[in-house]
Amino acid sequence: MRKLTQLAVLAAALVATPAFAEMKIAVLNYQMALLESDAAKKYAVDAEKKFGPQLTKLKNLESSAKGIADRIRAGGDKMAQPERERLELEYKQKARDFQFQSKELNESKAVADREMLKQLKPKLDGAVEEVIKKGGFDLVLERGAVIDVKPQYDITRQVIERMNQSR
């Protein structure tokens, strides 16, 4: 019974081989196509401008908290109790502020990223579809699912170029 199954699989593979030889296969790095597009690069610059001040504020807050922690660590034994307690309270407040503002920044950035993706995904899908039709590909695989591929089978650059043309 086992030999019959192996024989059937072998026969199926031999019959299917000519069909695969005629197939036109391509590989696409979907994420790279999205991130390397002009629109995504423009979004990254705009996001840096939009979220840059908040990020700078967070870095300053972190630096300030670290400075307080260093002061406590360096001279905590020699400090008067009220001064040490004041610094510890200030440190805790800055840590809470940092956590809150960091969470707020992350949420704002995530909303902006989703909105950008919502706008770019249809353009990317259209560019992918056009490249597939133009190239006459029968099968397109995600780059992550492929171990190795020759550059001539990777259509990612073509998709990026097509996406950049359709503004």
C-alpha atoms as a PDB file:
ATOM      1  CA  MET A   1       0.000   0.000   0.000  1.00  0.00           C
ATOM      2  CA  ARG A   2       2.849   2.355   0.921  1.00  0.00           C
ATOM      3  CA  LYS A   3       4.686   1.650  -2.341  1.00  0.00           C
ATOM      4  CA  LEU A   4       1.474   2.340  -4.259  1.00  0.00           C
ATOM      5  CA  THR A   5       1.186   5.754  -2.582  1.00  0.00           C
ATOM      6  CA  GLN A   6       4.812   6.585  -3.341  1.00  0.00           C
ATOM      7  CA  LEU A   7       4.327   5.527  -6.961  1.00  0.00           C
ATOM      8  CA  ALA A   8       1.222   7.733  -7.243  1.00  0.00           C
ATOM      9  CA  VAL A   9       3.081  10.752  -5.829  1.00  0.00           C
ATOM     10  CA  LEU A  10       6.012  10.153  -8.190  1.00  0.00           C
ATOM     11  CA  ALA A  11       3.670   9.856 -11.173  1.00  0.00           C
ATOM     12  CA  ALA A  12       1.862  13.065 -10.190  1.00  0.00           C
ATOM     13  CA  ALA A  13       5.175  14.895  -9.885  1.00  0.00           C
ATOM     14  CA  LEU A  14       6.306  13.707 -13.308  1.00  0.00           C
ATOM     15  CA  VAL A  15       3.031  14.784 -14.894  1.00  0.00           C
ATOM     16  CA  ALA A  16       3.062  18.179 -13.157  1.00  0.00           C
ATOM     17  CA  THR A  17       6.693  19.025 -14.017  1.00  0.00           C
ATOM     18  CA  PRO A  18       5.964  20.231 -17.571  1.00  0.00           C
ATOM     19  CA  ALA A  19       3.190  22.483 -16.229  1.00  0.00           C
ATOM     20  CA  PHE A  20       5.598  24.089 -13.743  1.00  0.00           C
ATOM     21  CA  ALA A  21       8.233  24.516 -16.461  1.00  0.00           C
ATOM     22  CA  GLU A  22       5.811  26.725 -18.400  1.00  0.00           C
ATOM     23  CA  MET A  23       4.720  28.785 -15.384  1.00  0.00           C
ATOM     24  CA  LYS A  24       6.050  32.292 -15.055  1.00  0.00           C
ATOM     25  CA  ILE A  25       6.941  32.862 -11.383  1.00  0.00           C
ATOM     26  CA  ALA A  26       7.969  36.055  -9.587  1.00  0.00           C
ATOM     27  CA  VAL A  27       8.839  37.112  -6.053  1.00  0.00           C
ATOM     28  CA  LEU A  28       7.694  40.312  -4.343  1.00  0.00           C
ATOM     29  CA  ASN A  29       8.818  41.914  -1.103  1.00  0.00           C
ATOM     30  CA  TYR A  30       5.496  43.596  -0.329  1.00  0.00           C
ATOM     31  CA  GLN A  31       6.719  45.460   2.752  1.00  0.00           C
ATOM     32  CA  MET A  32       9.797  46.810   0.992  1.00  0.00           C
ATOM     33  CA  ALA A  33       7.668  47.932  -1.953  1.00  0.00           C
ATOM     34  CA  LEU A  34       5.479  49.873   0.439  1.00  0.00           C
ATOM     35  CA  LEU A  35       8.268  51.415   2.522  1.00  0.00           C
ATOM     36  CA  GLU A  36      10.558  52.309  -0.391  1.00  0.00           C
ATOM     37  CA  SER A  37       7.883  54.169  -2.325  1.00  0.00           C
ATOM     38  CA  ASP A  38       8.159  57.949  -2.661  1.00  0.00           C
ATOM     39  CA  ALA A  39       4.845  58.373  -0.823  1.00  0.00           C
ATOM     40  CA  ALA A  40       6.085  56.376   2.188  1.00  0.00           C
ATOM     41  CA  LYS A  41       9.363  58.301   2.253  1.00  0.00           C
ATOM     42  CA  LYS A  42       7.432  61.589   2.169  1.00  0.00           C
ATOM     43  CA  TYR A  43       5.238  60.333   5.020  1.00  0.00           C
ATOM     44  CA  ALA A  44       8.360  59.486   7.058  1.00  0.00           C
ATOM     45  CA  VAL A  45       9.671  63.049   6.618  1.00  0.00           C
ATOM     46  CA  ASP A  46       6.262  64.534   7.472  1.00  0.00           C
ATOM     47  CA  ALA A  47       5.938  62.275  10.520  1.00  0.00           C
ATOM     48  CA  GLU A  48       9.388  63.353  11.697  1.00  0.00           C
ATOM     49  CA  LYS A  49       8.288  66.983  11.477  1.00  0.00           C
ATOM     50  CA  LYS A  50       4.952  66.269  13.160  1.00  0.00           C
ATOM     51  CA  PHE A  51       6.219  64.038  15.973  1.00  0.00           C
ATOM     52  CA  GLY A  52       9.742  65.451  16.284  1.00  0.00           C
ATOM     53  CA  PRO A  53       8.910  68.046  18.957  1.00  0.00           C
ATOM     54  CA  GLN A  54       7.169  65.430  21.114  1.00  0.00           C
ATOM     55  CA  LEU A  55      10.137  63.100  20.725  1.00  0.00           C
ATOM     56  CA  THR A  56      12.548  65.887  21.693  1.00  0.00           C
ATOM     57  CA  LYS A  57      10.409  66.663  24.738  1.00  0.00           C
ATOM     58  CA  LEU A  58      10.514  62.983  25.728  1.00  0.00           C
ATOM     59  CA  LYS A  59      14.298  62.843  25.354  1.00  0.00           C
ATOM     60  CA  ASN A  60      14.668  65.953  27.519  1.00  0.00           C
ATOM     61  CA  LEU A  61      12.364  64.451  30.144  1.00  0.00           C
ATOM     62  CA  GLU A  62      14.362  61.225  30.125  1.00  0.00           C
ATOM     63  CA  SER A  63      17.631  63.121  30.405  1.00  0.00           C
ATOM     64  CA  SER A  64      16.288  65.191  33.302  1.00  0.00           C
ATOM     65  CA  ALA A  65      15.087  62.088  35.150  1.00  0.00           C
ATOM     66  CA  LYS A  66      18.424  60.383  34.586  1.00  0.00           C
ATOM     67  CA  GLY A  67      20.214  63.436  35.978  1.00  0.00           C
ATOM     68  CA  ILE A  68      18.089  63.315  39.119  1.00  0.00           C
ATOM     69  CA  ALA A  69      18.696  59.583  39.512  1.00  0.00           C
ATOM     70  CA  ASP A  70      22.449  60.173  39.163  1.00  0.00           C
ATOM     71  CA  ARG A  71      22.341  62.915  41.817  1.00  0.00           C
ATOM     72  CA  ILE A  72      20.474  60.603  44.196  1.00  0.00           C
ATOM     73  CA  ARG A  73      22.878  57.747  43.550  1.00  0.00           C
ATOM     74  CA  ALA A  74      26.019  59.878  43.841  1.00  0.00           C
ATOM     75  CA  GLY A  75      25.168  61.900  46.906  1.00  0.00           C
ATOM     76  CA  GLY A  76      22.127  60.254  48.399  1.00  0.00           C
ATOM     77  CA  ASP A  77      23.878  59.198  51.632  1.00  0.00           C
ATOM     78  CA  LYS A  78      25.211  62.709  52.265  1.00  0.00           C
ATOM     79  CA  MET A  79      21.944  64.534  51.448  1.00  0.00           C
ATOM     80  CA  ALA A  80      19.537  65.808  54.053  1.00  0.00           C
ATOM     81  CA  GLN A  81      16.437  63.607  54.289  1.00  0.00           C
ATOM     82  CA  PRO A  82      13.996  66.292  53.006  1.00  0.00           C
ATOM     83  CA  GLU A  83      16.226  67.024  49.985  1.00  0.00           C
ATOM     84  CA  ARG A  84      16.521  63.312  49.155  1.00  0.00           C
ATOM     85  CA  GLU A  85      12.754  62.810  49.456  1.00  0.00           C
ATOM     86  CA  ARG A  86      12.126  65.850  47.235  1.00  0.00           C
ATOM     87  CA  LEU A  87      14.468  64.495  44.568  1.00  0.00           C
ATOM     88  CA  GLU A  88      12.930  61.007  44.746  1.00  0.00           C
ATOM     89  CA  LEU A  89       9.460  62.507  44.374  1.00  0.00           C
ATOM     90  CA  GLU A  90      10.610  64.642  41.441  1.00  0.00           C
ATOM     91  CA  TYR A  91      12.197  61.564  39.832  1.00  0.00           C
ATOM     92  CA  LYS A  92       8.979  59.546  40.222  1.00  0.00           C
ATOM     93  CA  GLN A  93       6.929  62.385  38.728  1.00  0.00           C
ATOM     94  CA  LYS A  94       9.242  62.673  35.733  1.00  0.00           C
ATOM     95  CA  ALA A  95       9.131  58.893  35.247  1.00  0.00           C
ATOM     96  CA  ARG A  96       5.313  58.975  35.278  1.00  0.00           C
ATOM     97  CA  ASP A  97       5.283  61.923  32.860  1.00  0.00           C
ATOM     98  CA  PHE A  98       7.703  60.071  30.596  1.00  0.00           C
ATOM     99  CA  GLN A  99       5.539  56.940  30.584  1.00  0.00           C
ATOM    100  CA  PHE A 100       2.359  58.882  29.898  1.00  0.00           C
ATOM    101  CA  GLN A 101       3.839  61.029  27.131  1.00  0.00           C
ATOM    102  CA  SER A 102       5.600  58.063  25.577  1.00  0.00           C
ATOM    103  CA  LYS A 103       2.355  56.102  25.451  1.00  0.00           C
ATOM    104  CA  GLU A 104       0.549  59.114  23.997  1.00  0.00           C
ATOM    105  CA  LEU A 105       3.220  59.561  21.310  1.00  0.00           C
ATOM    106  CA  ASN A 106       3.150  55.866  20.408  1.00  0.00           C
ATOM    107  CA  GLU A 107      -0.633  55.905  20.068  1.00  0.00           C
ATOM    108  CA  SER A 108      -0.599  59.059  17.924  1.00  0.00           C
ATOM    109  CA  LYS A 109       2.118  57.610  15.693  1.00  0.00           C
ATOM    110  CA  ALA A 110       0.227  54.314  15.345  1.00  0.00           C
ATOM    111  CA  VAL A 111      -2.934  56.156  14.273  1.00  0.00           C
ATOM    112  CA  ALA A 112      -0.967  58.174  11.706  1.00  0.00           C
ATOM    113  CA  ASP A 113       0.778  55.007  10.437  1.00  0.00           C
ATOM    114  CA  ARG A 114      -2.555  53.196  10.008  1.00  0.00           C
ATOM    115  CA  GLU A 115      -3.977  56.176   8.119  1.00  0.00           C
ATOM    116  CA  MET A 116      -0.955  56.245   5.813  1.00  0.00           C
ATOM    117  CA  LEU A 117      -1.237  52.514   5.226  1.00  0.00           C
ATOM    118  CA  LYS A 118      -4.941  52.881   4.497  1.00  0.00           C
ATOM    119  CA  GLN A 119      -4.125  55.441   1.797  1.00  0.00           C
ATOM    120  CA  LEU A 120      -1.127  53.654   0.282  1.00  0.00           C
ATOM    121  CA  LYS A 121      -2.384  50.058   0.264  1.00  0.00           C
ATOM    122  CA  PRO A 122      -4.808  50.525  -2.683  1.00  0.00           C
ATOM    123  CA  LYS A 123      -2.054  52.235  -4.699  1.00  0.00           C
ATOM    124  CA  LEU A 124       0.365  49.429  -3.880  1.00  0.00           C
ATOM    125  CA  ASP A 125      -2.183  46.749  -4.754  1.00  0.00           C
ATOM    126  CA  GLY A 126      -2.862  48.494  -8.063  1.00  0.00           C
ATOM    127  CA  ALA A 127       0.842  48.724  -8.868  1.00  0.00           C
ATOM    128  CA  VAL A 128       1.317  45.037  -8.012  1.00  0.00           C
ATOM    129  CA  GLU A 129      -1.602  44.069 -10.223  1.00  0.00           C
ATOM    130  CA  GLU A 130      -0.272  46.119 -13.155  1.00  0.00           C
ATOM    131  CA  VAL A 131       3.227  44.640 -12.890  1.00  0.00           C
ATOM    132  CA  ILE A 132       1.800  41.112 -12.683  1.00  0.00           C
ATOM    133  CA  LYS A 133      -0.385  41.669 -15.768  1.00  0.00           C
ATOM    134  CA  LYS A 134       2.389  43.371 -17.724  1.00  0.00           C
ATOM    135  CA  GLY A 135       4.859  40.596 -16.862  1.00  0.00           C
ATOM    136  CA  GLY A 136       2.330  37.825 -17.465  1.00  0.00           C
ATOM    137  CA  PHE A 137       3.178  36.094 -14.183  1.00  0.00           C
ATOM    138  CA  ASP A 138       1.229  32.986 -13.224  1.00  0.00           C
ATOM    139  CA  LEU A 139       2.458  32.855  -9.643  1.00  0.00           C
ATOM    140  CA  VAL A 140       3.809  35.585  -7.343  1.00  0.00           C
ATOM    141  CA  LEU A 141       5.296  34.615  -3.987  1.00  0.00           C
ATOM    142  CA  GLU A 142       5.992  36.826  -0.967  1.00  0.00           C
ATOM    143  CA  ARG A 143       9.771  37.262  -0.562  1.00  0.00           C
ATOM    144  CA  GLY A 144       9.612  36.042   3.037  1.00  0.00           C
ATOM    145  CA  ALA A 145       8.346  32.658   1.850  1.00  0.00           C
ATOM    146  CA  VAL A 146      11.332  32.134  -0.452  1.00  0.00           C
ATOM    147  CA  ILE A 147      14.796  31.115   0.691  1.00  0.00           C
ATOM    148  CA  ASP A 148      16.731  32.345  -2.326  1.00  0.00           C
ATOM    149  CA  VAL A 149      15.782  33.932  -5.616  1.00  0.00           C
ATOM    150  CA  LYS A 150      17.640  35.221  -8.648  1.00  0.00           C
ATOM    151  CA  PRO A 151      17.278  38.990  -9.086  1.00  0.00           C
ATOM    152  CA  GLN A 152      15.491  38.634 -12.436  1.00  0.00           C
ATOM    153  CA  TYR A 153      12.542  36.963 -10.669  1.00  0.00           C
ATOM    154  CA  ASP A 154      12.165  39.691  -8.031  1.00  0.00           C
ATOM    155  CA  ILE A 155       9.570  42.262  -9.166  1.00  0.00           C
ATOM    156  CA  THR A 156       9.794  44.488  -6.077  1.00  0.00           C
ATOM    157  CA  ARG A 157      11.685  47.317  -7.845  1.00  0.00           C
ATOM    158  CA  GLN A 158       9.203  47.258 -10.739  1.00  0.00           C
ATOM    159  CA  VAL A 159       6.322  47.604  -8.285  1.00  0.00           C
ATOM    160  CA  ILE A 160       8.035  50.505  -6.499  1.00  0.00           C
ATOM    161  CA  GLU A 161       8.650  52.280  -9.813  1.00  0.00           C
ATOM    162  CA  ARG A 162       5.058  51.726 -10.910  1.00  0.00           C
ATOM    163  CA  MET A 163       3.741  52.978  -7.579  1.00  0.00           C
ATOM    164  CA  ASN A 164       5.915  56.103  -7.820  1.00  0.00           C
ATOM    165  CA  GLN A 165       4.565  56.801 -11.326  1.00  0.00           C
ATOM    166  CA  SER A 166       0.927  56.664 -10.216  1.00  0.00           C
ATOM    167  CA  ARG A 167       0.532  59.705  -7.995  1.00  0.00           C
END
